[in-house]
């Protein structure tokens, strides 16, 4: 990138996008927009409404520093410490996975099962979010459903610290209990004292270790491997389904996010632990992404 000159927003974006493209940065235009917007305090739309605004020397210096991090492969979300999920802003860093649009479908399906609509939320409900990470699932549902209580569980104290921060950020910390527990622990259900639950949700580690080297550099080098992989990709589904039967109310539901090719095996796992009326929902790419089932005692 060039030495300082009198840059305008639109030409700096154009030049940076091209530079990122040459260096094979993922989503080069979006990266440039988000980084520059954070420096000058403008949204992506506002950048183009103020396309002729000059970028001053101190702003350019800060923008270049952020661009260097992006060129090293660090995800934009970690650089900025923010990610939007279900219309809400979440604090994120390398202690937690970056919330992804696919997981919004998990929340959407769970909300629908509770009778939530844009015109109002459900009555009382008690949910369990297993492997909460940033807290995006539990916090979003608590934010949208004022009568809902939640328990957010993770084996990582660092992740729970981020989740607590996000709960406080959205004013729902009084309705969420945070518990340190490992979903693979045979005594997991004994560590949860806030049930029984209406719903259990989990976006568990589901990438088989054999696929690790094929993942994007941004994922391999920066996101927590513990939250992404298990030896065969299905261990967490097995243990959570077994434990869920002990934690749900009769008629309660279990929701999982899926690996793209995991629906058939996860269906069999859930059936073997007493779940019926299984439903698989595809994401916008046409891939199986969410599975749910009802527990009948």
C-alpha atoms as a PDB file:
ATOM      1  CA  UNK A   1       0.000   0.000   0.000  1.00  0.00           C
ATOM      2  CA  UNK A   2       1.215   3.518  -0.815  1.00  0.00           C
ATOM      3  CA  UNK A   3       2.668   6.157   1.447  1.00  0.00           C
ATOM      4  CA  UNK A   4       0.343   8.858   2.695  1.00  0.00           C
ATOM      5  CA  UNK A   5      -1.552  10.932   0.164  1.00  0.00           C
ATOM      6  CA  UNK A   6      -4.875  12.737   0.243  1.00  0.00           C
ATOM      7  CA  UNK A   7      -7.141   9.682   0.213  1.00  0.00           C
ATOM      8  CA  UNK A   8     -10.904   9.758  -0.078  1.00  0.00           C
ATOM      9  CA  UNK A   9     -13.027   6.961   1.380  1.00  0.00           C
ATOM     10  CA  UNK A  10     -14.109   5.460  -1.939  1.00  0.00           C
ATOM     11  CA  UNK A  11     -10.655   5.334  -3.493  1.00  0.00           C
ATOM     12  CA  UNK A  12      -9.054   3.935  -0.338  1.00  0.00           C
ATOM     13  CA  UNK A  13     -11.672   1.186  -0.257  1.00  0.00           C
ATOM     14  CA  UNK A  14     -11.095   0.417  -3.923  1.00  0.00           C
ATOM     15  CA  UNK A  15      -7.325   0.254  -3.530  1.00  0.00           C
ATOM     16  CA  UNK A  16      -7.470  -1.827  -0.324  1.00  0.00           C
ATOM     17  CA  UNK A  17      -9.961  -4.282  -1.816  1.00  0.00           C
ATOM     18  CA  UNK A  18      -7.684  -4.820  -4.787  1.00  0.00           C
ATOM     19  CA  UNK A  19      -4.652  -5.248  -2.540  1.00  0.00           C
ATOM     20  CA  UNK A  20      -6.467  -7.782  -0.336  1.00  0.00           C
ATOM     21  CA  UNK A  21      -7.583  -9.668  -3.456  1.00  0.00           C
ATOM     22  CA  UNK A  22      -4.000  -9.899  -4.703  1.00  0.00           C
ATOM     23  CA  UNK A  23      -2.976 -11.335  -1.336  1.00  0.00           C
ATOM     24  CA  UNK A  24      -5.867 -13.876  -1.339  1.00  0.00           C
ATOM     25  CA  UNK A  25      -7.566 -12.387   1.699  1.00  0.00           C
ATOM     26  CA  UNK A  26     -11.006 -13.916   2.190  1.00  0.00           C
ATOM     27  CA  UNK A  27     -13.888 -11.493   1.461  1.00  0.00           C
ATOM     28  CA  UNK A  28     -11.552  -8.628   0.494  1.00  0.00           C
ATOM     29  CA  UNK A  29     -14.192  -5.950  -0.038  1.00  0.00           C
ATOM     30  CA  UNK A  30     -16.097  -6.731   3.154  1.00  0.00           C
ATOM     31  CA  UNK A  31     -12.835  -6.788   5.122  1.00  0.00           C
ATOM     32  CA  UNK A  32     -11.832  -3.375   3.766  1.00  0.00           C
ATOM     33  CA  UNK A  33     -15.249  -1.876   4.491  1.00  0.00           C
ATOM     34  CA  UNK A  34     -15.467  -3.161   8.054  1.00  0.00           C
ATOM     35  CA  UNK A  35     -11.930  -2.119   8.957  1.00  0.00           C
ATOM     36  CA  UNK A  36     -12.191   1.369   7.492  1.00  0.00           C
ATOM     37  CA  UNK A  37     -15.667   1.852   8.958  1.00  0.00           C
ATOM     38  CA  UNK A  38     -14.374   1.016  12.419  1.00  0.00           C
ATOM     39  CA  UNK A  39     -11.577   3.580  12.092  1.00  0.00           C
ATOM     40  CA  UNK A  40     -13.700   6.496  10.931  1.00  0.00           C
ATOM     41  CA  UNK A  41     -16.872   5.552  12.836  1.00  0.00           C
ATOM     42  CA  UNK A  42     -19.103   4.794   9.864  1.00  0.00           C
ATOM     43  CA  UNK A  43     -21.293   1.831   8.951  1.00  0.00           C
ATOM     44  CA  UNK A  44     -20.740   0.088   5.622  1.00  0.00           C
ATOM     45  CA  UNK A  45     -23.653   2.039   4.107  1.00  0.00           C
ATOM     46  CA  UNK A  46     -22.404   5.328   5.524  1.00  0.00           C
ATOM     47  CA  UNK A  47     -19.019   4.782   3.923  1.00  0.00           C
ATOM     48  CA  UNK A  48     -20.631   5.097   0.510  1.00  0.00           C
ATOM     49  CA  UNK A  49     -22.864   7.970   1.557  1.00  0.00           C
ATOM     50  CA  UNK A  50     -19.643   9.773   2.553  1.00  0.00           C
ATOM     51  CA  UNK A  51     -17.541   8.429  -0.318  1.00  0.00           C
ATOM     52  CA  UNK A  52     -15.674  11.706  -0.851  1.00  0.00           C
ATOM     53  CA  UNK A  53     -14.788  12.167   2.832  1.00  0.00           C
ATOM     54  CA  UNK A  54     -11.025  12.556   3.304  1.00  0.00           C
ATOM     55  CA  UNK A  55      -9.159   9.974   5.373  1.00  0.00           C
ATOM     56  CA  UNK A  56      -6.727  11.810   7.619  1.00  0.00           C
ATOM     57  CA  UNK A  57      -3.202  10.759   8.487  1.00  0.00           C
ATOM     58  CA  UNK A  58      -3.980   9.377  11.959  1.00  0.00           C
ATOM     59  CA  UNK A  59      -6.943   7.425  10.548  1.00  0.00           C
ATOM     60  CA  UNK A  60      -4.821   6.077   7.729  1.00  0.00           C
ATOM     61  CA  UNK A  61      -2.168   4.925  10.197  1.00  0.00           C
ATOM     62  CA  UNK A  62      -4.758   3.078  12.293  1.00  0.00           C
ATOM     63  CA  UNK A  63      -6.377   1.589   9.186  1.00  0.00           C
ATOM     64  CA  UNK A  64      -3.041   0.277   7.930  1.00  0.00           C
ATOM     65  CA  UNK A  65      -2.335  -1.312  11.318  1.00  0.00           C
ATOM     66  CA  UNK A  66      -5.649  -3.174  11.124  1.00  0.00           C
ATOM     67  CA  UNK A  67      -4.978  -4.188   7.522  1.00  0.00           C
ATOM     68  CA  UNK A  68      -1.651  -5.736   8.545  1.00  0.00           C
ATOM     69  CA  UNK A  69      -3.492  -7.968  11.020  1.00  0.00           C
ATOM     70  CA  UNK A  70      -5.934  -8.994   8.299  1.00  0.00           C
ATOM     71  CA  UNK A  71      -3.096  -9.801   5.913  1.00  0.00           C
ATOM     72  CA  UNK A  72      -1.663 -12.123   8.572  1.00  0.00           C
ATOM     73  CA  UNK A  73      -4.967 -14.032   8.495  1.00  0.00           C
ATOM     74  CA  UNK A  74      -6.595 -12.756  11.666  1.00  0.00           C
ATOM     75  CA  UNK A  75     -10.387 -12.680  11.174  1.00  0.00           C
ATOM     76  CA  UNK A  76     -12.001  -9.249  10.972  1.00  0.00           C
ATOM     77  CA  UNK A  77     -14.308 -10.167  13.843  1.00  0.00           C
ATOM     78  CA  UNK A  78     -11.364 -10.716  16.192  1.00  0.00           C
ATOM     79  CA  UNK A  79      -9.606  -7.582  14.957  1.00  0.00           C
ATOM     80  CA  UNK A  80     -12.676  -5.476  15.737  1.00  0.00           C
ATOM     81  CA  UNK A  81     -13.862  -7.560  18.694  1.00  0.00           C
ATOM     82  CA  UNK A  82     -17.401  -7.623  17.305  1.00  0.00           C
ATOM     83  CA  UNK A  83     -19.766  -9.871  15.381  1.00  0.00           C
ATOM     84  CA  UNK A  84     -23.432  -9.367  14.529  1.00  0.00           C
ATOM     85  CA  UNK A  85     -25.695 -12.338  15.277  1.00  0.00           C
ATOM     86  CA  UNK A  86     -29.460 -12.332  14.811  1.00  0.00           C
ATOM     87  CA  UNK A  87     -29.369  -8.533  14.597  1.00  0.00           C
ATOM     88  CA  UNK A  88     -27.471  -8.130  17.879  1.00  0.00           C
ATOM     89  CA  UNK A  89     -23.827  -7.176  18.357  1.00  0.00           C
ATOM     90  CA  UNK A  90     -21.632  -9.619  20.282  1.00  0.00           C
ATOM     91  CA  UNK A  91     -18.169  -9.219  21.740  1.00  0.00           C
ATOM     92  CA  UNK A  92     -15.809 -11.900  20.426  1.00  0.00           C
ATOM     93  CA  UNK A  93     -12.131 -12.745  20.657  1.00  0.00           C
ATOM     94  CA  UNK A  94      -9.911 -15.790  20.260  1.00  0.00           C
ATOM     95  CA  UNK A  95     -11.412 -17.391  23.380  1.00  0.00           C
ATOM     96  CA  UNK A  96     -14.638 -18.202  21.495  1.00  0.00           C
ATOM     97  CA  UNK A  97     -15.856 -19.223  18.070  1.00  0.00           C
ATOM     98  CA  UNK A  98     -17.081 -16.460  15.797  1.00  0.00           C
ATOM     99  CA  UNK A  99     -20.907 -16.731  15.646  1.00  0.00           C
ATOM    100  CA  UNK A 100     -21.992 -17.698  12.147  1.00  0.00           C
ATOM    101  CA  UNK A 101     -25.171 -17.171  10.116  1.00  0.00           C
ATOM    102  CA  UNK A 102     -25.819 -20.933  10.065  1.00  0.00           C
ATOM    103  CA  UNK A 103     -26.301 -20.877  13.832  1.00  0.00           C
ATOM    104  CA  UNK A 104     -28.997 -18.219  13.452  1.00  0.00           C
ATOM    105  CA  UNK A 105     -31.098 -20.980  11.877  1.00  0.00           C
ATOM    106  CA  UNK A 106     -30.751 -23.012  15.085  1.00  0.00           C
ATOM    107  CA  UNK A 107     -32.063 -20.065  17.107  1.00  0.00           C
ATOM    108  CA  UNK A 108     -34.836 -19.413  14.591  1.00  0.00           C
ATOM    109  CA  UNK A 109     -36.064 -22.997  14.777  1.00  0.00           C
ATOM    110  CA  UNK A 110     -35.978 -22.983  18.577  1.00  0.00           C
ATOM    111  CA  UNK A 111     -37.908 -19.720  18.759  1.00  0.00           C
ATOM    112  CA  UNK A 112     -40.550 -21.055  16.396  1.00  0.00           C
ATOM    113  CA  UNK A 113     -40.959 -24.162  18.534  1.00  0.00           C
ATOM    114  CA  UNK A 114     -41.765 -21.884  21.488  1.00  0.00           C
ATOM    115  CA  UNK A 115     -44.365 -19.995  19.496  1.00  0.00           C
ATOM    116  CA  UNK A 116     -42.255 -16.863  19.152  1.00  0.00           C
ATOM    117  CA  UNK A 117     -43.152 -14.394  16.407  1.00  0.00           C
ATOM    118  CA  UNK A 118     -42.358 -10.809  15.595  1.00  0.00           C
ATOM    119  CA  UNK A 119     -45.608  -9.862  17.343  1.00  0.00           C
ATOM    120  CA  UNK A 120     -44.597 -11.262  20.696  1.00  0.00           C
ATOM    121  CA  UNK A 121     -42.668 -13.854  22.626  1.00  0.00           C
ATOM    122  CA  UNK A 122     -43.709 -17.070  24.307  1.00  0.00           C
ATOM    123  CA  UNK A 123     -44.786 -17.682  27.843  1.00  0.00           C
ATOM    124  CA  UNK A 124     -42.340 -19.017  30.396  1.00  0.00           C
ATOM    125  CA  UNK A 125     -39.634 -21.351  29.125  1.00  0.00           C
ATOM    126  CA  UNK A 126     -36.387 -22.706  30.545  1.00  0.00           C
ATOM    127  CA  UNK A 127     -33.612 -23.548  28.077  1.00  0.00           C
ATOM    128  CA  UNK A 128     -30.156 -25.110  28.252  1.00  0.00           C
ATOM    129  CA  UNK A 129     -27.417 -24.016  25.849  1.00  0.00           C
ATOM    130  CA  UNK A 130     -24.626 -26.612  25.821  1.00  0.00           C
ATOM    131  CA  UNK A 131     -21.280 -25.329  24.546  1.00  0.00           C
ATOM    132  CA  UNK A 132     -22.337 -21.710  24.762  1.00  0.00           C
ATOM    133  CA  UNK A 133     -19.074 -20.076  23.626  1.00  0.00           C
ATOM    134  CA  UNK A 134     -19.808 -16.383  23.118  1.00  0.00           C
ATOM    135  CA  UNK A 135     -23.293 -16.928  24.541  1.00  0.00           C
ATOM    136  CA  UNK A 136     -24.928 -15.921  21.275  1.00  0.00           C
ATOM    137  CA  UNK A 137     -27.631 -18.621  21.446  1.00  0.00           C
ATOM    138  CA  UNK A 138     -28.673 -18.205  25.088  1.00  0.00           C
ATOM    139  CA  UNK A 139     -28.349 -14.421  25.092  1.00  0.00           C
ATOM    140  CA  UNK A 140     -30.271 -13.953  21.848  1.00  0.00           C
ATOM    141  CA  UNK A 141     -33.144 -16.111  23.044  1.00  0.00           C
ATOM    142  CA  UNK A 142     -33.257 -14.390  26.433  1.00  0.00           C
ATOM    143  CA  UNK A 143     -33.167 -10.981  24.759  1.00  0.00           C
ATOM    144  CA  UNK A 144     -36.066 -11.816  22.440  1.00  0.00           C
ATOM    145  CA  UNK A 145     -38.150 -13.730  24.995  1.00  0.00           C
ATOM    146  CA  UNK A 146     -38.634 -11.736  28.230  1.00  0.00           C
ATOM    147  CA  UNK A 147     -40.212 -14.671  30.119  1.00  0.00           C
ATOM    148  CA  UNK A 148     -37.415 -17.078  29.230  1.00  0.00           C
ATOM    149  CA  UNK A 149     -34.658 -18.275  31.579  1.00  0.00           C
ATOM    150  CA  UNK A 150     -31.503 -19.968  30.368  1.00  0.00           C
ATOM    151  CA  UNK A 151     -28.504 -21.946  31.537  1.00  0.00           C
ATOM    152  CA  UNK A 152     -25.345 -21.478  29.483  1.00  0.00           C
ATOM    153  CA  UNK A 153     -22.746 -24.235  29.832  1.00  0.00           C
ATOM    154  CA  UNK A 154     -19.171 -24.461  28.599  1.00  0.00           C
ATOM    155  CA  UNK A 155     -16.062 -26.362  29.630  1.00  0.00           C
ATOM    156  CA  UNK A 156     -13.974 -23.207  29.090  1.00  0.00           C
ATOM    157  CA  UNK A 157     -13.856 -20.574  31.824  1.00  0.00           C
ATOM    158  CA  UNK A 158     -12.489 -18.156  29.240  1.00  0.00           C
ATOM    159  CA  UNK A 159     -15.496 -18.711  26.990  1.00  0.00           C
ATOM    160  CA  UNK A 160     -17.905 -18.242  29.894  1.00  0.00           C
ATOM    161  CA  UNK A 161     -16.261 -14.915  30.689  1.00  0.00           C
ATOM    162  CA  UNK A 162     -17.074 -13.741  27.159  1.00  0.00           C
ATOM    163  CA  UNK A 163     -20.628 -15.093  27.416  1.00  0.00           C
ATOM    164  CA  UNK A 164     -21.184 -13.263  30.724  1.00  0.00           C
ATOM    165  CA  UNK A 165     -19.954 -10.055  29.138  1.00  0.00           C
ATOM    166  CA  UNK A 166     -22.418 -10.444  26.272  1.00  0.00           C
ATOM    167  CA  UNK A 167     -25.274 -11.205  28.649  1.00  0.00           C
ATOM    168  CA  UNK A 168     -24.480  -8.015  30.533  1.00  0.00           C
ATOM    169  CA  UNK A 169     -24.185  -6.087  27.313  1.00  0.00           C
ATOM    170  CA  UNK A 170     -27.744  -7.057  26.365  1.00  0.00           C
ATOM    171  CA  UNK A 171     -29.230  -6.743  29.843  1.00  0.00           C
ATOM    172  CA  UNK A 172     -30.184 -10.404  30.330  1.00  0.00           C
ATOM    173  CA  UNK A 173     -27.571 -11.556  32.847  1.00  0.00           C
ATOM    174  CA  UNK A 174     -30.181 -11.881  35.612  1.00  0.00           C
ATOM    175  CA  UNK A 175     -32.004 -14.575  33.613  1.00  0.00           C
ATOM    176  CA  UNK A 176     -28.992 -16.658  32.593  1.00  0.00           C
ATOM    177  CA  UNK A 177     -27.063 -19.075  34.826  1.00  0.00           C
ATOM    178  CA  UNK A 178     -23.499 -19.831  33.761  1.00  0.00           C
ATOM    179  CA  UNK A 179     -22.109 -23.278  34.498  1.00  0.00           C
ATOM    180  CA  UNK A 180     -18.668 -24.782  33.910  1.00  0.00           C
ATOM    181  CA  UNK A 181     -19.094 -28.363  32.720  1.00  0.00           C
ATOM    182  CA  UNK A 182     -17.811 -30.619  29.940  1.00  0.00           C
ATOM    183  CA  UNK A 183     -20.514 -32.066  27.686  1.00  0.00           C
ATOM    184  CA  UNK A 184     -18.365 -35.193  27.251  1.00  0.00           C
ATOM    185  CA  UNK A 185     -18.331 -35.862  31.014  1.00  0.00           C
ATOM    186  CA  UNK A 186     -20.431 -38.908  31.928  1.00  0.00           C
ATOM    187  CA  UNK A 187     -21.666 -36.975  34.991  1.00  0.00           C
ATOM    188  CA  UNK A 188     -22.577 -33.859  32.994  1.00  0.00           C
ATOM    189  CA  UNK A 189     -26.284 -33.953  33.887  1.00  0.00           C
ATOM    190  CA  UNK A 190     -25.451 -34.094  37.599  1.00  0.00           C
ATOM    191  CA  UNK A 191     -23.664 -30.729  37.324  1.00  0.00           C
ATOM    192  CA  UNK A 192     -26.782 -28.996  36.003  1.00  0.00           C
ATOM    193  CA  UNK A 193     -29.193 -28.048  38.784  1.00  0.00           C
ATOM    194  CA  UNK A 194     -31.391 -25.539  36.948  1.00  0.00           C
ATOM    195  CA  UNK A 195     -33.647 -27.994  35.070  1.00  0.00           C
ATOM    196  CA  UNK A 196     -35.841 -29.524  33.963  1.00  0.00           C
ATOM    197  CA  UNK A 197     -35.694 -27.765  30.608  1.00  0.00           C
ATOM    198  CA  UNK A 198     -38.213 -26.941  27.916  1.00  0.00           C
ATOM    199  CA  UNK A 199     -35.511 -26.933  25.249  1.00  0.00           C
ATOM    200  CA  UNK A 200     -31.895 -27.987  24.996  1.00  0.00           C
ATOM    201  CA  UNK A 201     -29.792 -26.451  22.243  1.00  0.00           C
ATOM    202  CA  UNK A 202     -26.252 -27.253  21.206  1.00  0.00           C
ATOM    203  CA  UNK A 203     -23.873 -26.239  18.464  1.00  0.00           C
ATOM    204  CA  UNK A 204     -21.263 -28.813  19.477  1.00  0.00           C
ATOM    205  CA  UNK A 205     -17.784 -29.452  18.093  1.00  0.00           C
ATOM    206  CA  UNK A 206     -18.571 -31.506  14.993  1.00  0.00           C
ATOM    207  CA  UNK A 207     -15.593 -31.282  12.638  1.00  0.00           C
ATOM    208  CA  UNK A 208     -13.677 -34.603  12.489  1.00  0.00           C
ATOM    209  CA  UNK A 209      -9.993 -34.151  13.255  1.00  0.00           C
ATOM    210  CA  UNK A 210      -9.136 -35.552   9.820  1.00  0.00           C
ATOM    211  CA  UNK A 211     -10.674 -32.404   8.265  1.00  0.00           C
ATOM    212  CA  UNK A 212      -8.694 -29.928  10.364  1.00  0.00           C
ATOM    213  CA  UNK A 213      -5.907 -29.293   7.863  1.00  0.00           C
ATOM    214  CA  UNK A 214      -8.425 -28.551   5.105  1.00  0.00           C
ATOM    215  CA  UNK A 215     -10.045 -25.680   6.995  1.00  0.00           C
ATOM    216  CA  UNK A 216      -9.405 -22.029   6.168  1.00  0.00           C
ATOM    217  CA  UNK A 217      -6.280 -20.469   7.643  1.00  0.00           C
ATOM    218  CA  UNK A 218      -8.446 -17.989   9.555  1.00  0.00           C
ATOM    219  CA  UNK A 219     -10.130 -20.896  11.333  1.00  0.00           C
ATOM    220  CA  UNK A 220      -7.075 -23.119  11.906  1.00  0.00           C
ATOM    221  CA  UNK A 221      -4.799 -20.387  13.190  1.00  0.00           C
ATOM    222  CA  UNK A 222      -7.193 -18.305  15.276  1.00  0.00           C
ATOM    223  CA  UNK A 223     -10.410 -20.044  16.385  1.00  0.00           C
ATOM    224  CA  UNK A 224     -10.329 -22.409  19.393  1.00  0.00           C
ATOM    225  CA  UNK A 225      -9.816 -25.979  18.146  1.00  0.00           C
ATOM    226  CA  UNK A 226     -11.465 -27.381  21.284  1.00  0.00           C
ATOM    227  CA  UNK A 227     -14.762 -25.816  20.195  1.00  0.00           C
ATOM    228  CA  UNK A 228     -14.531 -27.150  16.656  1.00  0.00           C
ATOM    229  CA  UNK A 229     -13.257 -30.714  16.498  1.00  0.00           C
ATOM    230  CA  UNK A 230     -13.576 -34.164  18.028  1.00  0.00           C
ATOM    231  CA  UNK A 231     -11.924 -37.383  16.848  1.00  0.00           C
ATOM    232  CA  UNK A 232     -14.851 -38.543  14.677  1.00  0.00           C
ATOM    233  CA  UNK A 233     -17.159 -35.491  14.829  1.00  0.00           C
ATOM    234  CA  UNK A 234     -20.044 -37.297  16.544  1.00  0.00           C
ATOM    235  CA  UNK A 235     -18.922 -37.839  20.148  1.00  0.00           C
ATOM    236  CA  UNK A 236     -20.744 -34.763  21.431  1.00  0.00           C
ATOM    237  CA  UNK A 237     -24.001 -35.703  19.730  1.00  0.00           C
ATOM    238  CA  UNK A 238     -23.911 -39.092  21.439  1.00  0.00           C
ATOM    239  CA  UNK A 239     -23.223 -37.780  24.921  1.00  0.00           C
ATOM    240  CA  UNK A 240     -25.546 -34.781  24.732  1.00  0.00           C
ATOM    241  CA  UNK A 241     -28.453 -36.899  23.455  1.00  0.00           C
ATOM    242  CA  UNK A 242     -27.920 -39.354  26.304  1.00  0.00           C
ATOM    243  CA  UNK A 243     -27.706 -36.605  28.928  1.00  0.00           C
ATOM    244  CA  UNK A 244     -30.585 -34.606  27.445  1.00  0.00           C
ATOM    245  CA  UNK A 245     -33.006 -37.393  28.231  1.00  0.00           C
ATOM    246  CA  UNK A 246     -32.213 -36.794  31.918  1.00  0.00           C
ATOM    247  CA  UNK A 247     -32.565 -33.018  31.740  1.00  0.00           C
ATOM    248  CA  UNK A 248     -35.617 -32.351  29.587  1.00  0.00           C
ATOM    249  CA  UNK A 249     -39.226 -32.150  30.653  1.00  0.00           C
ATOM    250  CA  UNK A 250     -41.498 -34.758  29.070  1.00  0.00           C
ATOM    251  CA  UNK A 251     -42.329 -33.351  25.672  1.00  0.00           C
ATOM    252  CA  UNK A 252     -39.226 -31.165  25.715  1.00  0.00           C
ATOM    253  CA  UNK A 253     -37.122 -30.713  22.592  1.00  0.00           C
ATOM    254  CA  UNK A 254     -33.462 -31.120  21.684  1.00  0.00           C
ATOM    255  CA  UNK A 255     -31.939 -29.009  18.910  1.00  0.00           C
ATOM    256  CA  UNK A 256     -28.525 -29.587  17.324  1.00  0.00           C
ATOM    257  CA  UNK A 257     -26.578 -27.742  14.681  1.00  0.00           C
ATOM    258  CA  UNK A 258     -25.237 -30.293  12.191  1.00  0.00           C
ATOM    259  CA  UNK A 259     -22.161 -30.984  10.169  1.00  0.00           C
ATOM    260  CA  UNK A 260     -23.324 -30.832   6.550  1.00  0.00           C
ATOM    261  CA  UNK A 261     -23.307 -34.628   6.135  1.00  0.00           C
ATOM    262  CA  UNK A 262     -24.256 -35.605   9.692  1.00  0.00           C
ATOM    263  CA  UNK A 263     -28.065 -35.737   9.608  1.00  0.00           C
ATOM    264  CA  UNK A 264     -28.503 -39.478   9.090  1.00  0.00           C
ATOM    265  CA  UNK A 265     -26.196 -40.581  11.899  1.00  0.00           C
ATOM    266  CA  UNK A 266     -27.388 -37.910  14.349  1.00  0.00           C
ATOM    267  CA  UNK A 267     -30.979 -38.968  13.635  1.00  0.00           C
ATOM    268  CA  UNK A 268     -30.118 -42.520  14.630  1.00  0.00           C
ATOM    269  CA  UNK A 269     -28.335 -41.306  17.767  1.00  0.00           C
ATOM    270  CA  UNK A 270     -31.355 -39.237  18.837  1.00  0.00           C
ATOM    271  CA  UNK A 271     -33.820 -42.053  18.144  1.00  0.00           C
ATOM    272  CA  UNK A 272     -31.748 -44.445  20.234  1.00  0.00           C
ATOM    273  CA  UNK A 273     -32.096 -42.090  23.227  1.00  0.00           C
ATOM    274  CA  UNK A 274     -35.863 -41.680  23.089  1.00  0.00           C
ATOM    275  CA  UNK A 275     -36.339 -38.765  20.705  1.00  0.00           C
ATOM    276  CA  UNK A 276     -39.089 -38.838  18.111  1.00  0.00           C
ATOM    277  CA  UNK A 277     -40.773 -36.521  15.591  1.00  0.00           C
ATOM    278  CA  UNK A 278     -37.328 -35.670  14.221  1.00  0.00           C
ATOM    279  CA  UNK A 279     -37.101 -32.715  11.860  1.00  0.00           C
ATOM    280  CA  UNK A 280     -34.104 -31.711   9.732  1.00  0.00           C
ATOM    281  CA  UNK A 281     -33.907 -28.154   8.381  1.00  0.00           C
ATOM    282  CA  UNK A 282     -31.652 -27.085   5.528  1.00  0.00           C
ATOM    283  CA  UNK A 283     -29.674 -23.862   5.468  1.00  0.00           C
ATOM    284  CA  UNK A 284     -29.695 -21.364   2.600  1.00  0.00           C
ATOM    285  CA  UNK A 285     -27.010 -23.383   0.824  1.00  0.00           C
ATOM    286  CA  UNK A 286     -29.298 -26.404   0.772  1.00  0.00           C
ATOM    287  CA  UNK A 287     -27.272 -28.307   3.374  1.00  0.00           C
ATOM    288  CA  UNK A 288     -28.773 -30.134   6.345  1.00  0.00           C
ATOM    289  CA  UNK A 289     -28.024 -27.744   9.213  1.00  0.00           C
ATOM    290  CA  UNK A 290     -30.425 -28.164  12.163  1.00  0.00           C
ATOM    291  CA  UNK A 291     -32.049 -31.257  13.619  1.00  0.00           C
ATOM    292  CA  UNK A 292     -34.643 -31.335  16.362  1.00  0.00           C
ATOM    293  CA  UNK A 293     -36.545 -34.028  18.186  1.00  0.00           C
ATOM    294  CA  UNK A 294     -39.085 -34.384  20.986  1.00  0.00           C
ATOM    295  CA  UNK A 295     -38.401 -36.385  24.124  1.00  0.00           C
ATOM    296  CA  UNK A 296     -41.238 -38.541  25.388  1.00  0.00           C
ATOM    297  CA  UNK A 297     -40.637 -39.955  28.868  1.00  0.00           C
END
